[in-house]
Amino acid sequence: MGKGGGKGGGEGCDLFFGSFYCACFLLFLGPLVLFIGVLVIGTSVDDTRGTKIHEYNVKVEEWRSKIKDSPFAEANFSAQLSYAGCGGSQGWSTNFTLHRGERPFDYLRDGSKDNAEPLVPQLKYFSGANVDVNEAKDCKVTVTFWSPKGKELARVTETLAQAKMNYCSTPNGLVECRRLCDRQGGSLIVPRRGTPQCIIRRELRSVCVKVAYDEEEGDFRADYLVPQSDDPSDEKGYGCFYRSRNHGYLVKGTRMVFAAAEFKGVNQQELDWRGNRTVQVIVRDRSDPWLHYLRITDGKGKFGLSTESKLIIGFSFLTLGILLTAMEIKAFSFICYYKRNPEARRPRNTILGTYYDLAHRNKRGETTGIPVVTTVPPAQQHFVQNPHYIHGPQHGSGSVEMQPASSARQGENSYSVIGTPLYITR
C-alpha cells in the first residue's frame, strides 16, 4: 500500500513539473492576445475619433463666425519684459507693442486629418523680445501684459534657464547614454564613481496668455479658466501651453493646466550674432480653436484611431490569438499523451521531442523516459563490456559469455546488448 501510494504521488508531481512551462505559456500568451483583440474591437463601438473631430469642428465654426466682429480683432495689446535678481545688477526692462497676425503659425499634428477643419483664420498678437543670454542667465525674467486701456492683464515671472538632471543606465554603456543625452539636447557628465548624469538645460522660449472680453468693463481680462471645462478639479491657468498632469498610479486622474511659459532645449533655439535669445510674447483669445484642439487631444495633437483602424487591429489580434491558443492546446495535448503513455519512446521530431521531455521531466529538472531507438548496422555490431544483464548460458563460476547480436537472436529467449544506453530486442 505504502509503495503504491508513493508511486502515484510521484507521478502527480512529475505531471505538474513536466507540464509547468507549457501551462504557463498556454495560460498567458494566447488568451492575452485574444483579450487584446476583443478589447480593441469593443472600443470600436464608440467612434472616439469622430467625436473629437466633430467637437473640434464646432469650435472652429464658432471661431470663424465671431472673430470678424469680435473686439479681439481690433485690440491693441502691449507688454513689458524685464529681469532682475541678477546678483546685485540693476536689471533691465523694455516695453513693446504686440502686433496682430498669424505668427507663430499653428498646424494640426494629426497625420490623417479626415474631416477636420483647418485652423483658419489664425489671429493672435505677437512680438519678440531679445534677451542677452549671458547677462540674464541667472535672472528672473518677468513679462507684464497690458490691455488696450492700460489695465494690467497678467504678470508672468520665470527663470531664463532651467536645468534637469537624469541618471543614465543602459546595457550598451556610455555610447548609448551619450546618444540619448545628445538627442534630448543635454550634456553627459561621467563621474569616476556612480551612474552617468545627463544635464538637460532648457531656456525660456515663449510667454503666452489668453484673454476674454468683459462686456461690463468694456475691456479685456486674463482668462483664468480652462476653456470649456466645468470640472472643478481642473486647475485654473491663463496660459496657452497645454500640459496634462497625472496624479496617482494605475488610476486615471488627469488634471490639465494651460501654462503661461514654454521652455525648450538650448540646442533647439538659435542665438543671433550678438548672442541674444528671442523670447516670443503672445496673446490669444480664449475662443481660439488651437486651445480647444490641445484640450480635446490631451495635448498630443492626435485625434486617435478611427473605427475602421480599430476593427482591423482588433481582428488581427483576434486571429493571431486563436491560432496561438489552438497551437498551445495541441502542444498541451501531446504532453498529456506522453505522460499517460510512459512506455512510448522519444520521437525523432524536434518539436515532439521537446513535448516528450516536458512530459517526463521530474522535480529535479531531469528528463526521464525511454530514449530514441537507434538502428545499428550489422557491420557496426559490437560487444558491450559490463552489461547490466545477459540472458544466456553461463560457464564457470561468476563468468559471463559474450555473444554478438546476430547469434543472440537465434534463441527465443536470448537478449543482446548493443551500445549504451541499454536497448532490448526480442
Protein backbone atom coordinates (compact mmCIF):
# COMPACT_ATOMS: atom_id res chain seq x y z
CA MET A 1 0.00 0.00 0.00
CA GLY A 2 2.74 2.41 1.01
CA LYS A 3 4.72 1.70 -2.13
CA GLY A 4 1.72 2.15 -4.38
CA GLY A 5 0.74 5.44 -2.74
CA GLY A 6 4.22 6.85 -3.07
CA LYS A 7 4.43 6.00 -6.73
CA GLY A 8 1.11 7.62 -7.51
CA GLY A 9 2.10 10.81 -5.71
CA GLY A 10 5.38 10.95 -7.61
CA GLU A 11 3.60 10.65 -10.95
CA GLY A 12 1.33 13.52 -9.98
CA CYS A 13 4.33 15.70 -9.15
CA ASP A 14 6.03 14.69 -12.40
CA LEU A 15 2.92 15.69 -14.35
CA PHE A 16 2.85 19.07 -12.64
CA PHE A 17 6.50 19.90 -13.13
CA GLY A 18 6.65 18.33 -16.59
CA SER A 19 3.86 20.49 -17.98
CA PHE A 20 4.53 23.62 -15.93
CA TYR A 21 6.26 25.66 -18.62
CA CYS A 22 3.76 24.81 -21.32
CA ALA A 23 0.88 25.54 -18.97
CA CYS A 24 2.26 28.99 -18.24
CA PHE A 25 2.71 29.59 -21.95
CA LEU A 26 -0.86 28.44 -22.58
CA LEU A 27 -2.38 30.48 -19.77
CA PHE A 28 -0.83 33.80 -20.76
CA LEU A 29 0.22 34.28 -24.37
CA GLY A 30 -2.71 33.02 -26.43
CA PRO A 31 -5.54 34.29 -24.19
CA LEU A 32 -3.70 37.59 -23.72
CA VAL A 33 -3.61 38.23 -27.47
CA LEU A 34 -7.27 37.19 -27.67
CA PHE A 35 -8.17 39.61 -24.88
CA ILE A 36 -6.36 42.48 -26.60
CA GLY A 37 -8.22 41.75 -29.84
CA VAL A 38 -11.62 41.65 -28.12
CA LEU A 39 -10.81 44.83 -26.20
CA VAL A 40 -9.83 46.75 -29.34
CA ILE A 41 -12.94 45.53 -31.17
CA GLY A 42 -15.04 46.61 -28.19
CA THR A 43 -13.62 50.12 -28.31
CA SER A 44 -14.58 50.40 -31.98
CA VAL A 45 -18.24 50.62 -30.96
CA ASP A 46 -17.59 54.16 -29.75
CA ASP A 47 -16.19 56.34 -32.53
CA THR A 48 -13.97 58.46 -30.30
CA ARG A 49 -12.02 59.87 -33.21
CA GLY A 50 -15.19 61.04 -34.97
CA THR A 51 -16.47 62.57 -31.73
CA LYS A 52 -13.27 64.51 -31.14
CA ILE A 53 -13.13 65.77 -34.73
CA HIS A 54 -16.78 66.87 -34.53
CA GLU A 55 -16.15 68.73 -31.26
CA TYR A 56 -13.11 70.41 -32.77
CA ASN A 57 -15.00 71.39 -35.95
CA VAL A 58 -17.74 73.02 -33.85
CA LYS A 59 -15.12 75.21 -32.14
CA VAL A 60 -13.62 76.17 -35.49
CA GLU A 61 -17.05 77.20 -36.86
CA GLU A 62 -17.77 79.25 -33.74
CA TRP A 63 -14.41 80.96 -34.09
CA ARG A 64 -14.99 81.80 -37.74
CA SER A 65 -18.43 83.24 -37.07
CA LYS A 66 -17.38 85.52 -34.20
CA ILE A 67 -13.81 86.59 -34.84
CA LYS A 68 -14.59 89.05 -37.63
CA ASP A 69 -16.78 91.28 -35.46
CA SER A 70 -15.05 90.45 -32.18
CA PRO A 71 -13.32 93.21 -30.13
CA PHE A 72 -10.27 90.94 -30.16
CA ALA A 73 -9.84 91.54 -33.90
CA GLU A 74 -9.19 95.27 -33.37
CA ALA A 75 -7.44 95.22 -29.99
CA ASN A 76 -4.13 96.83 -29.10
CA PHE A 77 -2.10 94.92 -26.52
CA SER A 78 1.28 95.88 -25.09
CA ALA A 79 3.83 94.21 -22.83
CA GLN A 80 6.98 94.79 -20.86
CA LEU A 81 9.86 92.37 -20.44
CA SER A 82 12.24 92.88 -17.55
CA TYR A 83 14.70 90.91 -15.50
CA ALA A 84 16.07 91.41 -12.02
CA GLY A 85 17.68 89.48 -9.19
CA CYS A 86 20.91 89.07 -11.11
CA GLY A 87 23.39 89.06 -8.26
CA GLY A 88 23.28 92.79 -7.46
CA SER A 89 22.66 94.00 -11.02
CA GLN A 90 20.04 96.70 -11.55
CA GLY A 91 18.39 94.60 -14.20
CA TRP A 92 16.89 95.72 -17.45
CA SER A 93 13.43 96.29 -18.98
CA THR A 94 11.85 97.13 -22.32
CA ASN A 95 8.32 97.98 -23.44
CA PHE A 96 6.87 96.93 -26.78
CA THR A 97 3.59 96.63 -28.64
CA LEU A 98 2.16 93.31 -29.78
CA HIS A 99 1.30 93.10 -33.45
CA ARG A 100 -1.75 91.42 -34.93
CA GLY A 101 -1.07 88.48 -37.23
CA GLU A 102 -0.76 84.72 -37.62
CA ARG A 103 2.65 84.20 -36.03
CA PRO A 104 3.52 81.71 -34.70
CA PHE A 105 1.59 79.62 -37.19
CA ASP A 106 -0.47 76.73 -35.76
CA TYR A 107 -1.00 73.46 -37.61
CA LEU A 108 -2.74 70.16 -36.99
CA ARG A 109 -0.37 67.43 -35.86
CA ASP A 110 -2.67 64.54 -36.76
CA GLY A 111 -1.36 62.65 -39.79
CA SER A 112 -4.73 61.77 -41.40
CA LYS A 113 -6.91 64.79 -40.77
CA ASP A 114 -10.01 63.18 -42.31
CA ASN A 115 -12.83 65.71 -41.95
CA ALA A 116 -11.04 68.03 -39.52
CA GLU A 117 -11.33 71.69 -40.47
CA PRO A 118 -8.11 73.65 -40.96
CA LEU A 119 -7.06 76.12 -38.29
CA VAL A 120 -8.13 79.23 -40.20
CA PRO A 121 -8.36 82.08 -39.77
CA GLN A 122 -5.49 82.36 -37.33
CA LEU A 123 -5.40 85.51 -35.25
CA LYS A 124 -3.16 86.36 -32.32
CA TYR A 125 -0.96 89.20 -31.09
CA PHE A 126 2.76 88.59 -31.16
CA SER A 127 6.11 90.23 -30.61
CA GLY A 128 9.64 89.10 -29.95
CA ALA A 129 11.88 90.42 -27.18
CA ASN A 130 15.63 89.99 -27.37
CA VAL A 131 17.36 88.85 -24.19
CA ASP A 132 21.10 88.74 -23.64
CA VAL A 133 21.65 85.18 -22.51
CA ASN A 134 24.98 85.80 -20.80
CA GLU A 135 23.71 88.84 -18.94
CA ALA A 136 20.35 87.39 -17.86
CA LYS A 137 21.20 83.72 -17.36
CA ASP A 138 20.88 83.96 -13.55
CA CYS A 139 17.98 86.41 -13.56
CA LYS A 140 14.26 86.25 -13.05
CA VAL A 141 12.51 87.21 -16.29
CA THR A 142 9.14 88.96 -15.89
CA VAL A 143 6.66 89.64 -18.68
CA THR A 144 3.79 92.02 -17.90
CA PHE A 145 0.77 92.22 -20.23
CA TRP A 146 -1.49 95.30 -20.57
CA SER A 147 -4.92 95.62 -22.09
CA PRO A 148 -5.83 98.22 -24.73
CA LYS A 149 -6.99 100.54 -21.89
CA GLY A 150 -3.75 100.15 -19.96
CA LYS A 151 -5.02 97.66 -17.35
CA GLU A 152 -2.58 95.01 -16.22
CA LEU A 153 -3.80 91.65 -17.51
CA ALA A 154 -1.19 89.26 -16.13
CA ARG A 155 2.36 89.13 -14.87
CA VAL A 156 4.47 86.06 -15.62
CA THR A 157 7.78 85.54 -13.81
CA GLU A 158 10.11 82.71 -14.76
CA THR A 159 13.79 81.92 -14.71
CA LEU A 160 15.52 82.27 -18.05
CA ALA A 161 17.07 78.81 -17.82
CA GLN A 162 16.14 75.53 -16.17
CA ALA A 163 18.38 72.52 -15.64
CA LYS A 164 17.14 68.96 -15.25
CA MET A 165 19.36 66.05 -14.25
CA ASN A 166 18.60 62.49 -15.41
CA TYR A 167 20.56 59.40 -14.44
CA CYS A 168 21.51 57.17 -17.36
CA SER A 169 21.87 53.41 -17.05
CA THR A 170 21.68 51.28 -20.21
CA PRO A 171 23.08 47.85 -21.18
CA ASN A 172 25.08 49.47 -24.02
CA GLY A 173 27.06 51.67 -21.66
CA LEU A 174 28.33 55.19 -22.25
CA VAL A 175 27.85 55.14 -26.02
CA GLU A 176 24.09 54.70 -25.68
CA CYS A 177 23.90 57.16 -22.78
CA ARG A 178 25.69 59.82 -24.81
CA ARG A 179 23.43 59.26 -27.81
CA LEU A 180 20.27 59.55 -25.71
CA CYS A 181 21.56 62.61 -23.91
CA ASP A 182 22.54 64.35 -27.17
CA ARG A 183 19.13 63.63 -28.64
CA GLN A 184 17.50 65.45 -25.70
CA GLY A 185 19.84 68.40 -26.08
CA GLY A 186 21.77 67.69 -22.89
CA SER A 187 25.37 67.21 -21.84
CA LEU A 188 26.63 63.97 -20.30
CA ILE A 189 28.67 64.04 -17.10
CA VAL A 190 30.57 60.85 -16.27
CA PRO A 191 31.77 60.70 -12.65
CA ARG A 192 34.62 58.46 -11.54
CA ARG A 193 32.19 56.50 -9.43
CA GLY A 194 28.49 56.22 -9.83
CA THR A 195 25.96 56.49 -12.64
CA PRO A 196 26.45 58.90 -15.59
CA GLN A 197 24.29 62.01 -15.43
CA CYS A 198 22.62 63.80 -18.33
CA ILE A 199 22.14 67.50 -17.65
CA ILE A 200 19.38 68.91 -19.86
CA ARG A 201 19.33 72.69 -19.96
CA ARG A 202 16.21 74.45 -21.15
CA GLU A 203 15.70 78.15 -21.71
CA LEU A 204 12.61 80.29 -21.85
CA ARG A 205 11.16 80.25 -25.35
CA SER A 206 7.66 81.77 -25.24
CA VAL A 207 5.27 83.52 -22.85
CA CYS A 208 1.58 83.48 -23.76
CA VAL A 209 -1.70 84.42 -22.04
CA LYS A 210 -5.29 84.01 -23.18
CA VAL A 211 -7.81 86.74 -22.65
CA ALA A 212 -11.58 87.19 -22.65
CA TYR A 213 -13.59 90.35 -23.33
CA ASP A 214 -15.59 91.73 -20.39
CA GLU A 215 -18.76 93.40 -21.68
CA GLU A 216 -19.37 95.29 -18.42
CA GLU A 217 -15.91 96.86 -18.24
CA GLY A 218 -15.54 97.22 -21.99
CA ASP A 219 -12.02 95.84 -21.71
CA PHE A 220 -10.15 92.55 -21.74
CA ARG A 221 -9.21 90.42 -18.74
CA ALA A 222 -6.99 87.40 -18.37
CA ASP A 223 -8.98 84.21 -18.75
CA TYR A 224 -8.19 82.07 -15.73
CA LEU A 225 -10.49 79.20 -16.65
CA VAL A 226 -9.69 76.14 -18.69
CA PRO A 227 -11.70 76.55 -21.91
CA GLN A 228 -14.98 74.63 -22.00
CA SER A 229 -14.30 72.67 -18.82
CA ASP A 230 -16.65 72.54 -15.84
CA ASP A 231 -14.56 70.05 -13.90
CA PRO A 232 -13.69 71.61 -10.50
CA SER A 233 -10.50 69.50 -10.36
CA ASP A 234 -9.11 71.29 -13.40
CA GLU A 235 -6.50 73.83 -12.46
CA LYS A 236 -7.09 77.44 -13.35
CA GLY A 237 -4.48 78.79 -15.73
CA TYR A 238 -4.39 81.79 -18.02
CA GLY A 239 -1.60 80.45 -20.24
CA CYS A 240 -1.73 78.94 -23.73
CA PHE A 241 0.62 75.96 -23.42
CA TYR A 242 -1.25 72.81 -22.53
CA ARG A 243 0.16 70.38 -20.00
CA SER A 244 -1.51 67.27 -18.65
CA ARG A 245 -0.67 66.13 -15.14
CA ASN A 246 -1.26 62.58 -13.94
CA HIS A 247 -1.92 62.14 -10.26
CA GLY A 248 -1.98 58.62 -8.85
CA TYR A 249 -0.80 55.25 -10.06
CA LEU A 250 -2.97 52.98 -12.22
CA VAL A 251 -5.87 55.34 -11.53
CA LYS A 252 -6.66 57.85 -14.21
CA GLY A 253 -6.77 61.23 -12.54
CA THR A 254 -5.66 63.63 -15.23
CA ARG A 255 -5.64 67.33 -14.38
CA MET A 256 -4.87 69.77 -17.15
CA VAL A 257 -3.39 73.21 -16.97
CA PHE A 258 -2.60 75.87 -19.53
CA ALA A 259 0.84 77.15 -18.51
CA ALA A 260 1.95 80.66 -19.42
CA ALA A 261 5.61 79.83 -20.13
CA GLU A 262 7.19 77.38 -22.54
CA PHE A 263 10.76 76.13 -22.25
CA LYS A 264 12.78 74.44 -24.97
CA GLY A 265 16.19 72.83 -25.16
CA VAL A 266 19.17 75.07 -25.75
CA ASN A 267 20.06 73.16 -28.94
CA GLN A 268 16.56 73.80 -30.32
CA GLN A 269 16.98 77.58 -30.25
CA GLU A 270 19.34 79.88 -32.08
CA LEU A 271 21.26 82.92 -30.92
CA ASP A 272 21.67 85.99 -33.07
CA TRP A 273 25.07 87.44 -33.91
CA ARG A 274 25.11 89.43 -30.64
CA GLY A 275 24.37 86.36 -28.50
CA ASN A 276 20.76 87.33 -27.83
CA ARG A 277 17.85 84.93 -27.49
CA THR A 278 14.41 85.92 -28.81
CA VAL A 279 11.58 85.34 -26.34
CA GLN A 280 8.15 85.20 -28.00
CA VAL A 281 5.36 87.16 -26.30
CA ILE A 282 1.85 86.16 -27.41
CA VAL A 283 -1.78 86.99 -26.57
CA ARG A 284 -4.62 84.67 -27.68
CA ASP A 285 -8.39 84.83 -27.42
CA ARG A 286 -9.98 82.21 -25.17
CA SER A 287 -12.10 81.04 -28.14
CA ASP A 288 -9.04 80.29 -30.25
CA PRO A 289 -9.65 76.78 -31.72
CA TRP A 290 -5.97 75.96 -31.15
CA LEU A 291 -6.58 75.92 -27.38
CA HIS A 292 -9.58 73.62 -27.77
CA TYR A 293 -7.62 71.42 -30.15
CA LEU A 294 -4.95 70.91 -27.46
CA ARG A 295 -7.58 70.17 -24.81
CA ILE A 296 -9.55 67.72 -26.99
CA THR A 297 -6.43 65.76 -27.93
CA ASP A 298 -4.93 65.97 -24.41
CA GLY A 299 -2.00 67.96 -25.73
CA LYS A 300 -0.87 65.19 -28.11
CA GLY A 301 -2.40 66.66 -31.26
CA LYS A 302 -3.78 63.24 -32.32
CA PHE A 303 -7.50 62.58 -32.63
CA GLY A 304 -6.96 58.84 -32.16
CA LEU A 305 -7.74 55.75 -34.23
CA SER A 306 -10.78 55.56 -36.49
CA THR A 307 -13.38 52.81 -36.20
CA GLU A 308 -12.03 51.07 -39.30
CA SER A 309 -8.49 51.06 -37.94
CA LYS A 310 -9.65 49.67 -34.61
CA LEU A 311 -11.56 46.84 -36.34
CA ILE A 312 -8.56 45.92 -38.49
CA ILE A 313 -6.21 45.87 -35.49
CA GLY A 314 -8.74 44.06 -33.31
CA PHE A 315 -9.47 41.26 -35.79
CA SER A 316 -5.75 40.87 -36.48
CA PHE A 317 -5.08 40.29 -32.79
CA LEU A 318 -8.14 38.05 -32.56
CA THR A 319 -6.98 35.84 -35.43
CA LEU A 320 -3.45 35.63 -34.07
CA GLY A 321 -4.79 34.80 -30.60
CA ILE A 322 -6.97 31.98 -31.92
CA LEU A 323 -4.04 30.46 -33.82
CA LEU A 324 -1.73 30.70 -30.82
CA THR A 325 -4.31 29.23 -28.47
CA ALA A 326 -5.01 26.34 -30.83
CA MET A 327 -1.30 25.59 -31.15
CA GLU A 328 -0.84 25.73 -27.39
CA ILE A 329 -3.80 23.42 -26.75
CA LYS A 330 -2.41 20.96 -29.27
CA ALA A 331 1.00 21.11 -27.60
CA PHE A 332 -0.55 20.53 -24.20
CA SER A 333 -2.46 17.52 -25.57
CA PHE A 334 0.83 15.99 -26.79
CA ILE A 335 2.35 16.46 -23.35
CA CYS A 336 -0.64 14.80 -21.70
CA TYR A 337 -0.48 11.92 -24.20
CA TYR A 338 3.18 11.22 -23.48
CA LYS A 339 2.53 11.48 -19.76
CA ARG A 340 -0.28 8.91 -19.95
CA ASN A 341 1.85 6.58 -22.07
CA PRO A 342 5.20 6.18 -20.28
CA GLU A 343 6.12 3.19 -22.43
CA ALA A 344 6.29 5.38 -25.55
CA ARG A 345 9.75 6.18 -26.84
CA ARG A 346 11.06 9.67 -27.51
CA PRO A 347 10.14 10.83 -31.07
CA ARG A 348 12.81 11.85 -33.53
CA ASN A 349 10.96 15.08 -34.40
CA THR A 350 12.48 18.06 -32.58
CA ILE A 351 9.20 19.66 -31.54
CA LEU A 352 7.56 16.40 -30.47
CA GLY A 353 10.77 15.50 -28.67
CA THR A 354 10.50 18.72 -26.68
CA TYR A 355 6.94 17.84 -25.67
CA TYR A 356 8.16 14.37 -24.68
CA ASP A 357 10.88 15.87 -22.47
CA LEU A 358 8.40 18.19 -20.79
CA ALA A 359 6.10 15.26 -20.05
CA HIS A 360 8.90 13.20 -18.48
CA ARG A 361 10.63 15.95 -16.50
CA ASN A 362 10.87 15.32 -12.79
CA LYS A 363 11.15 17.76 -9.90
CA ARG A 364 14.93 18.00 -10.29
CA GLY A 365 14.60 19.09 -13.90
CA GLU A 366 15.84 15.76 -15.25
CA THR A 367 14.22 14.08 -18.25
CA THR A 368 13.15 10.51 -17.58
CA GLY A 369 11.87 8.24 -20.31
CA ILE A 370 12.79 5.74 -22.96
CA PRO A 371 15.37 7.19 -25.37
CA VAL A 372 15.18 7.21 -29.14
CA VAL A 373 15.52 3.80 -30.83
CA THR A 374 18.83 3.63 -32.67
CA THR A 375 19.32 1.18 -35.51
CA VAL A 376 22.84 -0.24 -35.57
CA PRO A 377 24.03 -1.66 -38.93
CA PRO A 378 25.33 -5.26 -38.81
CA ALA A 379 28.85 -4.11 -39.67
CA GLN A 380 28.91 -1.95 -36.53
CA GLN A 381 27.65 -4.61 -34.10
CA HIS A 382 29.96 -4.91 -31.15
CA PHE A 383 30.13 -6.32 -27.68
CA VAL A 384 29.38 -4.30 -24.61
CA GLN A 385 31.50 -4.86 -21.57
CA ASN A 386 29.90 -4.98 -18.16
CA PRO A 387 26.31 -5.22 -19.45
CA HIS A 388 23.52 -4.86 -16.96
CA TYR A 389 22.35 -8.35 -17.75
CA ILE A 390 22.78 -11.07 -20.40
CA HIS A 391 20.27 -13.85 -20.70
CA GLY A 392 22.14 -16.94 -21.91
CA PRO A 393 24.23 -19.93 -20.84
CA GLN A 394 26.87 -19.23 -18.21
CA HIS A 395 30.19 -21.09 -17.89
CA GLY A 396 32.18 -21.42 -14.76
CA SER A 397 31.79 -19.61 -11.51
CA GLY A 398 30.90 -15.94 -11.93
CA SER A 399 31.78 -15.77 -15.67
CA VAL A 400 29.50 -14.41 -18.38
CA GLU A 401 29.59 -15.49 -22.02
CA MET A 402 29.56 -12.58 -24.52
CA GLN A 403 27.58 -13.12 -27.74
CA PRO A 404 27.07 -11.00 -30.85
CA ALA A 405 23.57 -9.74 -31.54
CA SER A 406 23.14 -12.00 -34.59
CA SER A 407 23.71 -15.14 -32.56
CA ALA A 408 21.59 -13.85 -29.72
CA ARG A 409 18.52 -13.52 -31.94
CA GLN A 410 18.60 -17.27 -32.72
CA GLY A 411 17.33 -18.18 -29.30
CA GLU A 412 13.74 -17.32 -28.44
CA ASN A 413 14.63 -16.03 -25.02
CA SER A 414 18.06 -14.65 -25.92
CA TYR A 415 18.93 -10.99 -25.42
CA SER A 416 21.76 -8.84 -26.71
CA VAL A 417 23.14 -5.53 -25.53
CA ILE A 418 24.05 -3.06 -28.28
CA GLY A 419 25.65 0.22 -27.31
CA THR A 420 24.79 2.48 -24.43
CA PRO A 421 22.11 3.04 -23.14
CA LEU A 422 20.73 -0.49 -22.91
CA TYR A 423 18.39 -1.50 -25.77
CA ILE A 424 16.44 -4.72 -25.64
CA THR A 425 15.38 -6.67 -28.77
CA ARG A 426 13.22 -9.73 -28.77
